[in-house]
Protein backbone atom coordinates (compact mmCIF):
# COMPACT_ATOMS: atom_id res chain seq x y z
CA MET A 1 -53.61 -49.65 -183.17
CA THR A 2 -51.48 -51.07 -185.67
CA GLU A 3 -51.91 -50.72 -189.15
CA ARG A 4 -51.65 -54.04 -191.55
CA LEU A 5 -51.69 -54.74 -195.02
CA ASP A 6 -53.68 -57.61 -196.33
CA ARG A 7 -54.69 -58.68 -199.70
CA ALA A 8 -57.98 -56.71 -200.19
CA ALA A 9 -56.07 -53.21 -199.71
CA SER A 10 -55.99 -51.40 -202.44
CA PRO A 11 -52.71 -50.42 -203.58
CA GLY A 12 -53.43 -46.18 -202.51
CA GLN A 13 -53.81 -47.78 -198.88
CA ARG A 14 -50.87 -50.21 -198.84
CA ALA A 15 -49.33 -47.65 -199.95
CA LYS A 16 -49.56 -45.23 -197.40
CA VAL A 17 -49.51 -47.78 -194.27
CA THR A 18 -45.60 -48.34 -195.80
CA ILE A 19 -45.60 -44.78 -196.30
CA ARG A 20 -46.05 -44.69 -192.58
CA ALA A 21 -44.07 -47.74 -191.70
CA ILE A 22 -41.41 -45.67 -192.71
CA GLU A 23 -42.04 -42.27 -191.37
CA ALA A 24 -42.12 -44.02 -187.75
CA ALA A 25 -38.68 -45.64 -188.14
CA LEU A 26 -37.03 -42.68 -189.02
CA ARG A 27 -38.08 -41.36 -185.91
CA ARG A 28 -37.62 -43.42 -183.76
CA HIS A 29 -34.34 -43.40 -185.69
CA ALA A 30 -33.65 -39.45 -184.83
CA VAL A 31 -35.22 -39.10 -181.80
CA LEU A 32 -32.79 -42.43 -179.79
CA PRO A 33 -29.20 -40.19 -180.28
CA VAL A 34 -31.12 -37.01 -179.02
CA LYS A 35 -32.42 -39.31 -175.88
CA VAL A 36 -29.13 -40.53 -175.33
CA GLY A 37 -27.63 -37.56 -174.89
CA LEU A 38 -29.98 -36.07 -172.28
CA SER A 39 -29.59 -39.22 -170.52
CA ARG A 40 -26.22 -38.60 -170.03
CA LEU A 41 -26.66 -35.13 -168.44
CA LYS A 42 -28.29 -36.72 -165.84
CA ARG A 43 -24.75 -36.63 -164.97
CA TRP A 44 -24.93 -33.49 -163.99
CA ASN A 45 -28.51 -32.75 -162.88
CA PRO A 46 -28.92 -31.63 -158.85
CA ARG A 47 -31.31 -34.28 -158.54
CA GLN A 48 -28.33 -37.33 -158.44
CA PRO A 49 -29.54 -40.56 -160.52
CA ARG A 50 -29.43 -43.74 -158.19
CA MET A 51 -27.51 -45.23 -160.90
CA LEU A 52 -24.80 -43.55 -163.02
CA GLY A 53 -22.38 -44.15 -165.05
CA ALA A 54 -21.27 -47.36 -167.49
CA PHE A 55 -17.90 -49.12 -166.74
CA PRO A 56 -16.39 -52.06 -168.21
CA ASP A 57 -14.77 -52.78 -164.58
CA ARG A 58 -15.23 -52.00 -160.81
CA GLU A 59 -11.93 -50.32 -161.37
CA ALA A 60 -12.68 -48.23 -163.87
CA ALA A 61 -16.41 -47.28 -162.51
CA LEU A 62 -13.92 -46.25 -159.02
CA ARG A 63 -12.32 -44.25 -161.07
CA GLY A 64 -15.66 -42.76 -162.45
CA VAL A 65 -16.85 -41.80 -159.11
CA PRO A 66 -17.85 -38.37 -158.66
CA ARG A 67 -15.14 -36.18 -156.57
CA ARG A 68 -18.01 -35.28 -153.50
CA TRP A 69 -19.16 -39.12 -152.89
CA LEU A 70 -17.87 -41.68 -150.40
CA ALA A 71 -16.56 -44.50 -152.90
CA THR A 72 -16.93 -47.03 -150.75
CA TYR A 73 -19.97 -49.30 -148.56
CA ASP A 74 -16.98 -49.45 -145.90
CA HIS A 75 -17.95 -46.63 -143.88
CA ALA A 76 -20.32 -45.60 -140.76
CA ASP A 77 -22.53 -43.49 -142.49
CA VAL A 78 -23.49 -45.76 -144.86
CA ALA A 79 -23.19 -49.08 -143.59
CA ALA A 80 -27.34 -48.60 -141.03
CA VAL A 81 -28.41 -47.14 -144.03
CA ASN A 82 -31.91 -48.65 -144.98
CA PHE A 83 -31.18 -51.06 -141.68
CA GLN A 84 -34.99 -51.06 -140.85
CA ALA A 85 -35.94 -51.00 -144.84
CA MET A 86 -33.94 -54.19 -144.96
CA CYS A 87 -35.65 -56.34 -142.09
CA ALA A 88 -38.69 -56.41 -143.83
CA LEU A 89 -39.99 -59.77 -145.90
CA ARG A 90 -40.21 -59.10 -149.15
CA VAL A 91 -41.69 -61.05 -152.18
CA TRP A 92 -37.90 -62.07 -154.02
CA ASP A 93 -36.99 -63.98 -149.90
CA TYR A 94 -40.10 -66.64 -149.90
CA PRO A 95 -37.43 -68.56 -152.52
CA VAL A 96 -34.02 -68.33 -150.16
CA MET A 97 -36.89 -69.36 -147.15
CA PHE A 98 -38.43 -72.62 -149.34
CA TRP A 99 -34.89 -73.70 -150.07
CA LEU A 100 -33.54 -73.12 -146.54
CA ASN A 101 -36.50 -74.97 -145.00
CA ARG A 102 -35.58 -77.62 -147.38
CA LEU A 103 -32.33 -77.48 -146.36
CA ASN A 104 -32.49 -76.97 -142.66
CA GLU A 105 -31.53 -79.46 -139.67
CA PRO A 106 -30.25 -79.01 -136.81
CA GLY A 107 -26.82 -77.34 -136.38
CA LEU A 108 -27.13 -76.86 -139.56
CA ARG A 109 -24.24 -73.98 -139.95
CA ILE A 110 -25.08 -70.90 -142.00
CA LEU A 111 -22.69 -68.08 -143.76
CA ASP A 112 -24.42 -64.87 -144.69
CA ALA A 113 -22.44 -63.37 -147.02
CA GLY A 114 -22.81 -59.80 -146.78
CA GLY A 115 -25.72 -60.18 -144.16
CA HIS A 116 -25.68 -56.68 -142.96
CA PHE A 117 -26.87 -56.51 -139.60
CA GLY A 118 -28.63 -59.98 -139.80
CA THR A 119 -31.44 -58.19 -141.54
CA LYS A 120 -32.18 -61.74 -143.32
CA TYR A 121 -32.01 -63.81 -140.07
CA ILE A 122 -34.51 -61.11 -138.30
CA ALA A 123 -36.57 -60.96 -141.99
CA PHE A 124 -36.35 -65.23 -141.45
CA ARG A 125 -37.27 -66.19 -137.93
CA GLY A 126 -40.73 -66.09 -137.89
CA HIS A 127 -41.53 -68.06 -140.39
CA LEU A 128 -38.52 -70.79 -140.75
CA PRO A 129 -36.96 -72.90 -137.31
CA LEU A 130 -33.77 -71.13 -136.84
CA ASP A 131 -33.59 -71.94 -132.96
CA GLU A 132 -31.08 -75.13 -133.99
CA VAL A 133 -29.08 -72.99 -136.80
CA VAL A 134 -25.65 -71.41 -136.05
CA TRP A 135 -25.83 -68.24 -137.96
CA THR A 136 -22.92 -66.15 -138.85
CA VAL A 137 -23.07 -63.10 -140.65
CA PHE A 138 -19.38 -61.62 -142.69
CA ASP A 139 -19.43 -58.47 -143.69
CA LEU A 140 -17.09 -55.21 -144.28
CA PRO A 141 -15.56 -54.39 -141.08
CA GLU A 142 -17.39 -51.09 -140.74
CA THR A 143 -20.92 -52.43 -140.84
CA VAL A 144 -19.91 -55.58 -138.58
CA GLN A 145 -18.32 -52.73 -136.18
CA SER A 146 -22.09 -51.36 -136.47
CA ALA A 147 -23.86 -54.27 -136.12
CA ARG A 148 -22.03 -55.76 -132.66
CA ASN A 149 -23.08 -52.37 -131.45
CA ALA A 150 -26.97 -52.27 -132.10
CA GLN A 151 -26.78 -56.13 -131.12
CA ARG A 152 -25.60 -54.37 -126.87
CA LEU A 153 -28.13 -52.35 -127.83
CA GLY A 154 -30.69 -55.14 -128.05
CA GLN A 155 -32.05 -54.05 -131.77
CA VAL A 156 -30.26 -56.86 -133.26
CA PRO A 157 -30.65 -60.70 -132.01
CA ALA A 158 -27.47 -62.04 -129.62
CA GLY A 159 -28.26 -65.33 -131.63
CA ILE A 160 -26.10 -64.02 -134.82
CA GLY A 161 -22.22 -64.00 -134.56
CA PHE A 162 -20.67 -61.41 -136.63
CA THR A 163 -16.84 -61.18 -138.82
CA ASP A 164 -14.82 -59.76 -140.93
CA ASP A 165 -12.85 -62.42 -141.93
CA LEU A 166 -13.46 -65.46 -143.58
CA THR A 167 -11.00 -67.96 -142.42
CA THR A 168 -12.56 -67.41 -138.90
CA ALA A 169 -15.94 -68.41 -140.05
CA GLY A 170 -14.83 -72.06 -139.53
CA ARG A 171 -17.05 -75.16 -140.93
CA VAL A 172 -19.61 -73.71 -143.68
CA ASP A 173 -22.42 -76.34 -144.56
CA LEU A 174 -24.49 -73.36 -146.49
CA LEU A 175 -23.25 -69.82 -148.35
CA LEU A 176 -25.93 -67.73 -148.36
CA ALA A 177 -25.54 -64.34 -150.53
CA SER A 178 -28.25 -62.23 -150.99
CA GLY A 179 -28.04 -58.61 -153.01
CA LEU A 180 -23.53 -59.39 -152.53
CA LEU A 181 -22.58 -59.95 -155.81
CA GLN A 182 -23.45 -56.88 -157.12
CA TYR A 183 -20.92 -55.46 -154.88
CA LEU A 184 -18.46 -58.21 -154.52
CA ASP A 185 -14.80 -56.67 -155.09
CA ILE A 186 -13.27 -59.91 -156.54
CA PRO A 187 -14.55 -63.07 -158.55
CA PHE A 188 -17.05 -65.45 -157.45
CA ALA A 189 -15.07 -67.88 -157.02
CA GLN A 190 -11.97 -66.81 -155.32
CA PHE A 191 -14.06 -65.55 -152.69
CA VAL A 192 -15.99 -69.39 -152.36
CA ALA A 193 -12.45 -70.08 -152.45
CA GLN A 194 -11.45 -67.91 -149.19
CA LEU A 195 -13.82 -70.37 -146.92
CA PRO A 196 -11.75 -73.04 -144.98
CA ASP A 197 -14.21 -75.85 -146.78
CA ARG A 198 -16.40 -75.37 -149.68
CA PRO A 199 -20.39 -75.05 -148.84
CA GLU A 200 -22.34 -78.12 -149.98
CA HIS A 201 -24.61 -75.64 -150.61
CA ILE A 202 -24.89 -72.03 -152.06
CA ILE A 203 -27.49 -70.34 -152.21
CA LEU A 204 -27.46 -66.53 -154.40
CA ASN A 205 -30.01 -64.27 -154.96
CA LYS A 206 -30.83 -60.84 -155.95
CA VAL A 207 -27.95 -61.38 -158.50
CA ALA A 208 -27.63 -58.50 -161.07
CA THR A 209 -27.56 -60.11 -164.97
CA ARG A 210 -28.00 -59.32 -168.24
CA GLU A 211 -27.68 -61.10 -171.61
CA GLY A 212 -24.79 -59.49 -173.01
CA PRO A 213 -21.10 -58.11 -171.99
CA SER A 214 -20.82 -57.35 -168.22
CA VAL A 215 -21.45 -53.86 -167.12
CA THR A 216 -20.73 -51.72 -163.89
CA THR A 217 -22.30 -48.51 -162.85
CA LEU A 218 -22.65 -46.34 -159.46
CA GLU A 219 -25.07 -46.76 -157.46
CA ARG A 220 -26.16 -43.97 -154.85
CA ILE A 221 -26.64 -45.10 -151.29
CA GLY A 222 -26.52 -42.47 -148.88
CA PRO A 223 -23.69 -40.37 -149.36
CA ALA A 224 -22.00 -43.24 -151.38
CA ARG A 225 -21.28 -44.09 -154.86
CA VAL A 226 -20.26 -47.97 -154.85
CA PRO A 227 -19.84 -50.08 -157.58
CA TYR A 228 -23.14 -51.78 -158.86
CA GLN A 229 -21.94 -55.16 -161.75
CA MET A 230 -24.67 -56.55 -163.62
CA ARG A 231 -23.17 -59.74 -164.14
CA CYS A 232 -23.17 -61.27 -168.34
CA ARG A 233 -25.30 -64.20 -167.36
CA ALA A 234 -24.23 -66.78 -170.27
CA GLU A 235 -20.65 -66.24 -168.21
CA PHE A 236 -21.86 -66.43 -164.76
CA GLU A 237 -23.01 -69.35 -164.82
CA ALA A 238 -19.92 -70.74 -166.61
CA GLN A 239 -18.13 -69.30 -164.08
CA LEU A 240 -20.10 -71.49 -161.29
CA ASP A 241 -20.35 -74.33 -163.04
CA ALA A 242 -15.94 -73.95 -163.36
CA ALA A 243 -16.11 -73.62 -160.21
CA GLY A 244 -17.29 -77.09 -159.16
CA TYR A 245 -21.43 -76.14 -158.79
CA ARG A 246 -24.24 -76.92 -160.38
CA VAL A 247 -27.50 -75.36 -160.55
CA LEU A 248 -30.46 -77.17 -158.76
CA ASP A 249 -33.12 -74.35 -158.95
CA SER A 250 -32.91 -70.91 -160.56
CA TRP A 251 -35.57 -67.91 -160.17
CA ASP A 252 -35.95 -64.90 -162.27
CA ILE A 253 -37.09 -61.19 -159.65
CA PRO A 254 -38.21 -58.67 -162.57
CA SER A 255 -38.98 -56.37 -160.56
CA LEU A 256 -35.59 -55.44 -159.72
CA GLY A 257 -34.38 -54.99 -163.14
CA HIS A 258 -32.39 -51.84 -162.99
CA VAL A 259 -31.97 -49.24 -166.10
CA ILE A 260 -29.51 -47.45 -166.04
CA ASP A 261 -30.47 -43.98 -166.11
CA THR A 262 -26.68 -42.52 -168.14
CA HIS A 263 -27.10 -45.53 -170.36
CA PRO A 264 -30.94 -46.01 -170.78
CA GLU A 265 -29.76 -47.75 -174.12
CA LEU A 266 -28.11 -50.41 -172.34
CA GLY A 267 -31.14 -51.74 -171.87
CA ARG A 268 -32.44 -53.35 -167.90
CA SER A 269 -30.66 -55.33 -165.87
CA ILE A 270 -32.48 -59.34 -164.85
CA SER A 271 -32.00 -60.12 -161.00
CA ARG A 272 -32.03 -63.95 -160.65
CA GLY A 273 -31.55 -66.17 -157.45
CA TYR A 274 -29.73 -69.53 -157.39
CA VAL A 275 -29.80 -72.47 -155.27
CA LEU A 276 -26.52 -74.26 -156.13
CA LYS A 277 -24.91 -77.40 -154.87
CA ARG A 278 -21.20 -79.12 -154.45
CA ASP A 279 -20.23 -81.63 -157.71
CA ASP A 280 -18.02 -83.47 -155.48
């Protein structure tokens, strides 16, 4: 229970409460450096934390990858990690499905950037009319190769197209990027500029943001440690505007926020979703 000072309290009671408040503040300030120091030691824990290190940018993060770990997602041993789990429908998928249903029309050409094995198509197809949608996944070469192999084995629907070259994507009406941006190795506006035509709509989901300077950490994915960017929210939204897109809708995903295990003092990231419309 929080003790409160009020006019009815005696001078002795008020002094006692004040002293306790000062003692609590001193304990907090004394303990914080110890907690930070112990958190840094997690780097050497045999049971490696999910999020490791805090770096100013991707290049610095790559230099910080421990020697025994892969430093890329573009590897056959990493590509298939979590495939079945990623095909499941999650609570954070519902805003995406709402907007896909609203924007859907026959012949809609969707580019699913960072779409892995077409996991969102697989998750959504039982809930959305996707039969007349042209759904193409863009991803890294090893992921695309593994996805095509799985497709030949009947593990991935035949209706999904795959490419690792944006210049071959053709016309894109809607760009979907669910869980891509924290791993993207170039600015998002530069990524969009590589498309033959700028899509009219963009749906972003699971964008890691924070209320402060951007930070890149290293996430553990299977045998790899890959750079994971937590973007400054204000800067990112300004970049979207500068790229010629306005925000139609946005949402928070509280359950997907992350605290960097080795740097808890930086606070928790805020996972966000956006629907953007080209501002012609």
